Amino acid sequence: MNSNEKTQLICKLLSEKKACNIVYIAVEKKTSLCDYFVIAGGRSKTQVKSLAENLEEKLKKEYSLIPQRVEGVQGGRWAVLDYADVIVHLFADEERDFYRLERLWEDGENLKRYED
């Protein structure tokens, strides 16, 4: 599975669990960290935690994809799941507004909104 396919799968799984405002940003020309960032929101700490746990479980069980690192899930305000070529950022509304990762990485052409 290439990084674009993985990104689309992650977005689909997040959408199925009602994540809010899902975007993905192609950053392969901007950093060596990864090829894509996926950024999505949850309406509450509980939803952010649930989104992260569900995504990790589904990707592991159905696609044998295991994140290299997972941070922040227990607090529920934000979570990061690092799948090497795709890094997933999940935020509660307040934290997403504060960090505004989209603005740091997008150049007008590389940010896409996920639509089912």
Foldseek 3Di string as FASTA:
>chain_A
DDLVVVQLVLVVLLVVLPWAFWKKFQCVVPDQQAGIEIETEDQWLVSQLVSVVSSQVCCCVPPVQHFPDWDDSVRSQWIWTHRRRYIYIYHHPVVCVVVVVCVVGDDPPGMDTDDD
